[in-house]
Amino acid sequence: MEDVQLSDEFPLIVANPGRLGGKPCIKDTRISVSHILELLASGGTVERILEGWPALTPEAIEQAALFAARQLEAPAVRVKTTA
């Protein structure tokens, strides 16, 4: 199966049903966006993350964080309005 780019805005974020269960990840790696967020949330700096995962780039980490933020902009619950 091939990688699917999820957004023109974030070309380094891809998904592949055959890799990580289709979770969004960094292109050409098995490093998920959620893993990067966990590293950042636990106090990891970009520099330390790059030391531990040399396949990453600063741009990939930035795109992962921004991609996740964009996903959270969508409403979680649709509000029914009366017309």
C-alpha atoms as a PDB file:
ATOM      1  CA  MET A   1       0.000   0.000   0.000  1.00  0.00           C
ATOM      2  CA  GLU A   2       1.115   3.526  -0.687  1.00  0.00           C
ATOM      3  CA  ASP A   3       1.382   6.498   1.610  1.00  0.00           C
ATOM      4  CA  VAL A   4      -1.424   9.016   1.328  1.00  0.00           C
ATOM      5  CA  GLN A   5      -0.545  12.658   1.884  1.00  0.00           C
ATOM      6  CA  LEU A   6      -3.247  13.980   4.191  1.00  0.00           C
ATOM      7  CA  SER A   7      -2.951  17.675   3.386  1.00  0.00           C
ATOM      8  CA  ASP A   8      -1.232  19.914   0.874  1.00  0.00           C
ATOM      9  CA  GLU A   9      -0.387  22.183   3.790  1.00  0.00           C
ATOM     10  CA  PHE A  10       1.548  19.401   5.572  1.00  0.00           C
ATOM     11  CA  PRO A  11       3.375  17.341   2.920  1.00  0.00           C
ATOM     12  CA  LEU A  12       5.431  15.437   5.498  1.00  0.00           C
ATOM     13  CA  ILE A  13       2.340  14.000   7.204  1.00  0.00           C
ATOM     14  CA  VAL A  14       1.082  10.817   5.572  1.00  0.00           C
ATOM     15  CA  ALA A  15      -1.014   7.776   6.395  1.00  0.00           C
ATOM     16  CA  ASN A  16      -0.850   4.217   5.154  1.00  0.00           C
ATOM     17  CA  PRO A  17      -3.369   1.535   6.180  1.00  0.00           C
ATOM     18  CA  GLY A  18      -0.498  -0.959   6.255  1.00  0.00           C
ATOM     19  CA  ARG A  19       1.622   1.104   8.647  1.00  0.00           C
ATOM     20  CA  LEU A  20       0.700   1.922  12.245  1.00  0.00           C
ATOM     21  CA  GLY A  21      -2.916   1.046  11.571  1.00  0.00           C
ATOM     22  CA  GLY A  22      -3.296   4.039   9.279  1.00  0.00           C
ATOM     23  CA  LYS A  23      -2.354   6.618  11.920  1.00  0.00           C
ATOM     24  CA  PRO A  24      -0.892   9.882  10.615  1.00  0.00           C
ATOM     25  CA  CYS A  25       2.895   9.668  10.679  1.00  0.00           C
ATOM     26  CA  ILE A  26       5.997  11.343   9.323  1.00  0.00           C
ATOM     27  CA  LYS A  27       6.699  10.483   5.698  1.00  0.00           C
ATOM     28  CA  ASP A  28       9.227   7.652   5.220  1.00  0.00           C
ATOM     29  CA  THR A  29       9.177   6.738   8.933  1.00  0.00           C
ATOM     30  CA  ARG A  30       7.126   4.760  11.422  1.00  0.00           C
ATOM     31  CA  ILE A  31       6.991   7.742  13.776  1.00  0.00           C
ATOM     32  CA  SER A  32       3.400   8.790  14.412  1.00  0.00           C
ATOM     33  CA  VAL A  33       2.151  12.323  14.894  1.00  0.00           C
ATOM     34  CA  SER A  34       0.715  11.235  18.248  1.00  0.00           C
ATOM     35  CA  HIS A  35       4.143   9.981  19.377  1.00  0.00           C
ATOM     36  CA  ILE A  36       5.708  13.324  18.540  1.00  0.00           C
ATOM     37  CA  LEU A  37       2.969  15.099  20.509  1.00  0.00           C
ATOM     38  CA  GLU A  38       3.604  12.818  23.493  1.00  0.00           C
ATOM     39  CA  LEU A  39       7.314  13.623  23.359  1.00  0.00           C
ATOM     40  CA  LEU A  40       6.641  17.360  23.244  1.00  0.00           C
ATOM     41  CA  ALA A  41       3.998  17.176  25.982  1.00  0.00           C
ATOM     42  CA  SER A  42       6.362  15.314  28.293  1.00  0.00           C
ATOM     43  CA  GLY A  43       8.874  18.144  28.084  1.00  0.00           C
ATOM     44  CA  GLY A  44      10.944  17.004  25.135  1.00  0.00           C
ATOM     45  CA  THR A  45      12.623  19.760  23.174  1.00  0.00           C
ATOM     46  CA  VAL A  46      13.011  19.663  19.419  1.00  0.00           C
ATOM     47  CA  GLU A  47      16.761  19.208  19.894  1.00  0.00           C
ATOM     48  CA  ARG A  48      16.360  16.223  22.228  1.00  0.00           C
ATOM     49  CA  ILE A  49      13.751  14.626  19.975  1.00  0.00           C
ATOM     50  CA  LEU A  50      16.114  14.973  17.003  1.00  0.00           C
ATOM     51  CA  GLU A  51      18.895  13.321  19.019  1.00  0.00           C
ATOM     52  CA  GLY A  52      16.698  10.312  19.761  1.00  0.00           C
ATOM     53  CA  TRP A  53      15.086  10.051  16.335  1.00  0.00           C
ATOM     54  CA  PRO A  54      17.621  11.121  13.690  1.00  0.00           C
ATOM     55  CA  ALA A  55      15.176  10.322  10.867  1.00  0.00           C
ATOM     56  CA  LEU A  56      13.162  13.377  11.920  1.00  0.00           C
ATOM     57  CA  THR A  57      13.760  16.985  10.963  1.00  0.00           C
ATOM     58  CA  PRO A  58      12.719  20.174  12.738  1.00  0.00           C
ATOM     59  CA  GLU A  59      10.256  20.764   9.894  1.00  0.00           C
ATOM     60  CA  ALA A  60       8.682  17.326  10.414  1.00  0.00           C
ATOM     61  CA  ILE A  61       8.181  17.997  14.137  1.00  0.00           C
ATOM     62  CA  GLU A  62       6.646  21.386  13.382  1.00  0.00           C
ATOM     63  CA  GLN A  63       4.315  19.923  10.763  1.00  0.00           C
ATOM     64  CA  ALA A  64       3.227  17.178  13.162  1.00  0.00           C
ATOM     65  CA  ALA A  65       2.286  19.703  15.851  1.00  0.00           C
ATOM     66  CA  LEU A  66       0.487  22.017  13.435  1.00  0.00           C
ATOM     67  CA  PHE A  67      -1.335  19.120  11.750  1.00  0.00           C
ATOM     68  CA  ALA A  68      -2.622  17.939  15.113  1.00  0.00           C
ATOM     69  CA  ALA A  69      -3.711  21.459  16.054  1.00  0.00           C
ATOM     70  CA  ARG A  70      -5.676  21.773  12.807  1.00  0.00           C
ATOM     71  CA  GLN A  71      -7.436  18.474  13.521  1.00  0.00           C
ATOM     72  CA  LEU A  72      -8.658  19.877  16.836  1.00  0.00           C
ATOM     73  CA  GLU A  73     -10.173  22.937  15.187  1.00  0.00           C
ATOM     74  CA  ALA A  74     -13.095  20.888  13.865  1.00  0.00           C
ATOM     75  CA  PRO A  75     -16.099  20.659  16.172  1.00  0.00           C
ATOM     76  CA  ALA A  76     -16.223  17.454  18.189  1.00  0.00           C
ATOM     77  CA  VAL A  77     -20.007  17.630  18.515  1.00  0.00           C
ATOM     78  CA  ARG A  78     -22.403  19.037  15.985  1.00  0.00           C
ATOM     79  CA  VAL A  79     -24.956  21.323  17.529  1.00  0.00           C
ATOM     80  CA  LYS A  80     -28.502  20.864  16.239  1.00  0.00           C
ATOM     81  CA  THR A  81     -30.138  24.145  15.505  1.00  0.00           C
ATOM     82  CA  THR A  82     -33.872  24.691  15.189  1.00  0.00           C
ATOM     83  CA  ALA A  83     -35.000  26.353  12.026  1.00  0.00           C
END
